[in-house]
């Protein structure tokens, strides 16, 4: 539990700095914490991550300045399609083999890391090169596939939306802040699916499911510990945001992706 509380502190920090409501950080640690579930640990980690993202992203959105959120004005269709995709991705998690979910997480994270490092526009977004050009809005049609893939892997929307908003011209600070309401839109229906419709998996050592704190596919004890660590950090950093140079901020995002790829690859079945 102490490890989970510590990781919660980290997820609170990544929620504010990178828009990660928890997915990239919580999935590897919940896989480790629930290793007694065997191959089902990844499925439980994804579901637990989605629940943590709902709370973290919702709280971070609530304390984000309205002038920042104004960039999403008129984005109702995008939010609705993200929600629809999130529900579909959560149902897909129930049907897919756990090993597929695990290695798809590793593969997608690795591809994203290569993309942000090698393709122009992330480390130096278009809007900073030509400040007179306003940032572009994300097209609504990307909502369904982004929501489905993010919920299926438990990574949240930030892994896709932050690079997209960077290339649209937003600085990292704004891109990370806007990722939170987008993550909330897709993770809320996904969490509902995981809590209400999924059967809890059997524990490898015969321990009754109730004793490991599972509700459906969600490890509520792990989620609670993570949130107890995360929420105070989100409140503190929103009130006193750190001043990080934009380029350093972007490189830190890429570095975190690299750490997560390594952690999940090493914990693979």
Protein backbone atom coordinates (compact mmCIF):
# COMPACT_ATOMS: atom_id res chain seq x y z
CA UNK A 1 0.00 0.00 0.00
CA UNK A 2 2.90 2.37 0.70
CA UNK A 3 4.22 1.72 -2.80
CA UNK A 4 0.79 2.47 -4.25
CA UNK A 5 0.55 5.70 -2.25
CA UNK A 6 3.96 6.71 -3.58
CA UNK A 7 2.91 5.92 -7.12
CA UNK A 8 -0.23 7.96 -6.47
CA UNK A 9 1.98 10.97 -5.77
CA UNK A 10 3.63 10.35 -9.14
CA UNK A 11 0.30 10.02 -10.96
CA UNK A 12 -0.86 13.32 -9.47
CA UNK A 13 2.27 14.95 -10.82
CA UNK A 14 1.91 13.39 -14.28
CA UNK A 15 -1.78 14.35 -14.39
CA UNK A 16 -0.88 18.04 -14.07
CA UNK A 17 2.38 18.08 -16.03
CA UNK A 18 1.55 15.66 -18.86
CA UNK A 19 -2.21 15.09 -18.82
CA UNK A 20 -1.69 11.45 -17.79
CA UNK A 21 -4.65 10.76 -15.52
CA UNK A 22 -2.83 7.66 -14.37
CA UNK A 23 -2.77 5.17 -17.23
CA UNK A 24 0.89 4.97 -18.18
CA UNK A 25 2.01 5.01 -14.57
CA UNK A 26 -0.72 2.97 -12.86
CA UNK A 27 -0.97 0.07 -15.31
CA UNK A 28 2.58 -1.23 -14.68
CA UNK A 29 2.33 -0.86 -10.89
CA UNK A 30 -1.10 -2.52 -10.63
CA UNK A 31 0.18 -5.39 -12.80
CA UNK A 32 2.89 -5.82 -10.16
CA UNK A 33 0.54 -5.38 -7.18
CA UNK A 34 -1.97 -7.90 -8.53
CA UNK A 35 0.54 -10.45 -9.80
CA UNK A 36 -1.40 -13.14 -7.84
CA UNK A 37 -4.03 -12.91 -10.58
CA UNK A 38 -1.57 -14.30 -13.12
CA UNK A 39 -2.44 -13.46 -16.70
CA UNK A 40 -5.53 -11.55 -15.59
CA UNK A 41 -3.39 -8.93 -13.81
CA UNK A 42 -3.11 -6.80 -16.96
CA UNK A 43 -6.87 -6.79 -17.49
CA UNK A 44 -7.43 -5.74 -13.87
CA UNK A 45 -4.69 -3.10 -14.16
CA UNK A 46 -6.34 -1.57 -17.23
CA UNK A 47 -9.75 -1.42 -15.53
CA UNK A 48 -8.29 0.00 -12.31
CA UNK A 49 -6.33 2.56 -14.30
CA UNK A 50 -9.51 3.75 -16.01
CA UNK A 51 -11.25 4.32 -12.66
CA UNK A 52 -8.24 6.24 -11.34
CA UNK A 53 -8.24 8.33 -14.52
CA UNK A 54 -11.89 9.31 -14.05
CA UNK A 55 -11.18 10.82 -10.63
CA UNK A 56 -7.80 12.35 -11.44
CA UNK A 57 -8.88 13.80 -14.78
CA UNK A 58 -12.17 15.06 -13.36
CA UNK A 59 -10.48 16.79 -10.43
CA UNK A 60 -7.73 18.24 -12.62
CA UNK A 61 -10.35 19.57 -15.05
CA UNK A 62 -12.34 21.17 -12.23
CA UNK A 63 -9.31 23.15 -11.03
CA UNK A 64 -8.07 24.15 -14.50
CA UNK A 65 -8.55 27.86 -15.34
CA UNK A 66 -11.61 28.48 -17.53
CA UNK A 67 -9.54 30.48 -20.00
CA UNK A 68 -7.45 27.36 -20.71
CA UNK A 69 -10.49 25.13 -21.15
CA UNK A 70 -11.95 27.68 -23.57
CA UNK A 71 -9.77 26.11 -26.27
CA UNK A 72 -12.24 23.17 -26.29
CA UNK A 73 -15.26 25.41 -26.88
CA UNK A 74 -17.41 23.84 -29.58
CA UNK A 75 -15.85 20.43 -28.95
CA UNK A 76 -19.10 18.69 -27.95
CA UNK A 77 -19.05 16.22 -30.88
CA UNK A 78 -15.44 15.30 -30.09
CA UNK A 79 -16.31 14.62 -26.42
CA UNK A 80 -19.34 12.50 -27.37
CA UNK A 81 -17.32 10.38 -29.79
CA UNK A 82 -14.57 9.97 -27.20
CA UNK A 83 -17.20 8.67 -24.76
CA UNK A 84 -18.61 6.24 -27.31
CA UNK A 85 -15.14 4.98 -28.15
CA UNK A 86 -14.29 4.64 -24.45
CA UNK A 87 -17.28 2.37 -23.84
CA UNK A 88 -16.41 0.26 -26.89
CA UNK A 89 -12.78 -0.07 -25.79
CA UNK A 90 -13.82 -1.19 -22.31
CA UNK A 91 -16.03 -3.95 -23.75
CA UNK A 92 -13.15 -5.01 -26.00
CA UNK A 93 -10.89 -5.36 -22.94
CA UNK A 94 -13.30 -7.96 -21.54
CA UNK A 95 -13.09 -10.04 -24.70
CA UNK A 96 -9.42 -9.81 -25.61
CA UNK A 97 -6.82 -12.24 -24.20
CA UNK A 98 -4.85 -10.55 -21.38
CA UNK A 99 -1.53 -11.18 -23.15
CA UNK A 100 -2.82 -9.23 -26.17
CA UNK A 101 -3.75 -6.26 -23.98
CA UNK A 102 -0.35 -6.32 -22.30
CA UNK A 103 1.78 -6.39 -25.43
CA UNK A 104 -0.51 -4.00 -27.30
CA UNK A 105 0.14 -1.53 -24.45
CA UNK A 106 3.90 -2.00 -24.85
CA UNK A 107 3.74 -1.72 -28.63
CA UNK A 108 1.57 1.38 -28.70
CA UNK A 109 3.68 3.16 -26.10
CA UNK A 110 6.86 2.34 -28.03
CA UNK A 111 5.35 3.59 -31.30
CA UNK A 112 4.23 6.81 -29.59
CA UNK A 113 7.72 7.34 -28.19
CA UNK A 114 9.28 6.88 -31.62
CA UNK A 115 6.70 9.24 -33.11
CA UNK A 116 7.30 12.11 -30.69
CA UNK A 117 11.08 11.79 -31.06
CA UNK A 118 11.38 11.29 -34.82
CA UNK A 119 8.45 13.11 -36.42
CA UNK A 120 8.64 16.92 -36.55
CA UNK A 121 6.15 19.00 -34.58
CA UNK A 122 6.29 17.62 -31.04
CA UNK A 123 9.55 18.88 -29.60
CA UNK A 124 8.94 22.20 -31.35
CA UNK A 125 5.24 22.70 -32.19
CA UNK A 126 4.11 24.69 -35.19
CA UNK A 127 2.47 27.42 -33.10
CA UNK A 128 5.76 28.33 -31.43
CA UNK A 129 7.56 28.62 -34.73
CA UNK A 130 4.89 31.01 -36.02
CA UNK A 131 3.10 32.60 -33.09
CA UNK A 132 0.69 34.47 -35.35
CA UNK A 133 -0.88 31.16 -36.45
CA UNK A 134 -3.57 30.08 -33.94
CA UNK A 135 -3.60 26.45 -32.77
CA UNK A 136 -5.92 24.15 -34.70
CA UNK A 137 -8.82 22.30 -33.08
CA UNK A 138 -8.77 18.51 -32.98
CA UNK A 139 -11.20 17.05 -35.55
CA UNK A 140 -14.24 15.39 -33.98
CA UNK A 141 -13.84 12.25 -36.09
CA UNK A 142 -10.72 11.20 -34.17
CA UNK A 143 -12.81 10.88 -31.00
CA UNK A 144 -14.13 7.35 -31.53
CA UNK A 145 -10.84 5.62 -32.43
CA UNK A 146 -8.88 7.56 -29.79
CA UNK A 147 -11.45 6.73 -27.12
CA UNK A 148 -11.61 3.05 -28.06
CA UNK A 149 -7.86 2.49 -28.15
CA UNK A 150 -7.19 4.53 -25.01
CA UNK A 151 -9.82 2.63 -22.99
CA UNK A 152 -8.74 -0.74 -24.39
CA UNK A 153 -5.14 -0.19 -23.30
CA UNK A 154 -5.92 1.79 -20.12
CA UNK A 155 -3.64 4.63 -21.18
CA UNK A 156 -6.10 7.54 -21.16
CA UNK A 157 -6.46 10.11 -23.89
CA UNK A 158 -3.25 12.02 -23.24
CA UNK A 159 -0.98 9.61 -25.10
CA UNK A 160 -2.80 10.50 -28.31
CA UNK A 161 -4.17 13.97 -27.67
CA UNK A 162 -1.06 15.63 -26.22
CA UNK A 163 1.09 14.90 -29.32
CA UNK A 164 -1.83 15.91 -31.56
CA UNK A 165 -2.33 19.22 -29.73
CA UNK A 166 1.39 19.89 -29.75
CA UNK A 167 1.43 19.53 -33.52
CA UNK A 168 -1.65 21.75 -33.68
CA UNK A 169 0.41 24.51 -32.06
CA UNK A 170 -0.26 24.33 -28.30
CA UNK A 171 2.56 24.62 -25.73
CA UNK A 172 3.03 21.60 -23.46
CA UNK A 173 1.38 23.34 -20.50
CA UNK A 174 -1.85 23.87 -22.44
CA UNK A 175 -1.76 20.51 -24.25
CA UNK A 176 -1.43 18.67 -20.93
CA UNK A 177 -4.24 20.68 -19.32
CA UNK A 178 -6.61 20.04 -22.24
CA UNK A 179 -5.84 16.31 -22.17
CA UNK A 180 -7.63 15.99 -18.82
CA UNK A 181 -11.20 16.82 -19.93
CA UNK A 182 -10.69 14.63 -23.01
CA UNK A 183 -9.49 11.78 -20.79
CA UNK A 184 -12.51 12.27 -18.52
CA UNK A 185 -14.88 12.02 -21.48
CA UNK A 186 -13.57 8.62 -22.58
CA UNK A 187 -12.76 7.11 -19.17
CA UNK A 188 -16.12 7.74 -17.47
CA UNK A 189 -18.15 5.35 -19.68
CA UNK A 190 -15.24 2.90 -19.73
CA UNK A 191 -15.13 2.84 -15.91
CA UNK A 192 -18.87 2.25 -15.79
CA UNK A 193 -18.46 -0.80 -18.03
CA UNK A 194 -15.61 -2.21 -15.93
CA UNK A 195 -17.45 -1.72 -12.63
CA UNK A 196 -20.92 -2.82 -13.66
CA UNK A 197 -20.66 -5.54 -16.27
CA UNK A 198 -17.40 -7.45 -15.91
CA UNK A 199 -17.03 -10.61 -13.83
CA UNK A 200 -14.13 -10.62 -11.37
CA UNK A 201 -11.33 -13.03 -12.35
CA UNK A 202 -10.20 -15.93 -10.23
CA UNK A 203 -7.11 -15.52 -8.09
CA UNK A 204 -4.26 -17.86 -8.93
CA UNK A 205 -3.55 -18.93 -5.31
CA UNK A 206 -7.18 -19.61 -4.42
CA UNK A 207 -7.72 -16.45 -2.34
CA UNK A 208 -11.41 -15.42 -2.39
CA UNK A 209 -12.00 -12.52 -4.76
CA UNK A 210 -13.52 -10.36 -2.02
CA UNK A 211 -10.28 -10.46 -0.06
CA UNK A 212 -8.26 -8.88 -2.84
CA UNK A 213 -10.68 -5.97 -3.19
CA UNK A 214 -11.98 -6.62 -6.71
CA UNK A 215 -15.28 -5.20 -7.92
CA UNK A 216 -15.78 -6.44 -11.44
CA UNK A 217 -12.36 -5.95 -12.98
CA UNK A 218 -11.42 -3.04 -10.71
CA UNK A 219 -9.03 -3.35 -7.76
CA UNK A 220 -10.69 -0.79 -5.49
CA UNK A 221 -8.01 -0.99 -2.80
CA UNK A 222 -5.28 -0.18 -5.28
CA UNK A 223 -7.39 2.59 -6.84
CA UNK A 224 -8.07 4.14 -3.42
CA UNK A 225 -4.39 4.14 -2.45
CA UNK A 226 -3.40 5.69 -5.77
CA UNK A 227 -6.02 8.42 -5.46
CA UNK A 228 -5.08 9.24 -1.85
CA UNK A 229 -1.60 9.99 -3.12
CA UNK A 230 -2.63 11.77 -6.31
CA UNK A 231 -5.39 14.22 -5.41
CA UNK A 232 -3.46 16.41 -2.94
CA UNK A 233 -0.62 16.71 -5.46
CA UNK A 234 -3.02 17.76 -8.24
CA UNK A 235 -4.50 20.46 -5.98
CA UNK A 236 -1.05 21.73 -4.98
CA UNK A 237 0.40 21.84 -8.49
CA UNK A 238 -2.68 23.51 -9.96
CA UNK A 239 -2.45 26.20 -7.28
CA UNK A 240 1.33 26.57 -7.64
CA UNK A 241 2.23 25.35 -11.15
CA UNK A 242 5.94 24.75 -11.75
CA UNK A 243 7.62 26.88 -14.41
CA UNK A 244 9.21 24.40 -16.82
CA UNK A 245 10.71 25.46 -20.17
CA UNK A 246 8.52 24.12 -22.94
CA UNK A 247 11.26 22.12 -24.63
CA UNK A 248 12.32 20.52 -21.33
CA UNK A 249 8.65 19.72 -20.69
CA UNK A 250 8.37 17.96 -24.04
CA UNK A 251 11.55 15.93 -23.48
CA UNK A 252 10.29 14.90 -20.03
CA UNK A 253 7.09 13.58 -21.65
CA UNK A 254 9.18 11.47 -24.02
CA UNK A 255 11.38 10.26 -21.17
CA UNK A 256 8.37 9.09 -19.17
CA UNK A 257 7.13 7.12 -22.16
CA UNK A 258 10.49 5.39 -22.37
CA UNK A 259 10.42 4.39 -18.69
CA UNK A 260 6.92 2.94 -19.05
CA UNK A 261 7.83 0.93 -22.15
CA UNK A 262 10.72 -0.64 -20.26
CA UNK A 263 8.64 -1.35 -17.13
CA UNK A 264 5.82 -3.04 -19.01
CA UNK A 265 8.17 -5.03 -21.27
CA UNK A 266 10.04 -6.38 -18.23
CA UNK A 267 6.81 -7.32 -16.45
CA UNK A 268 5.35 -9.10 -19.45
CA UNK A 269 4.00 -12.66 -19.29
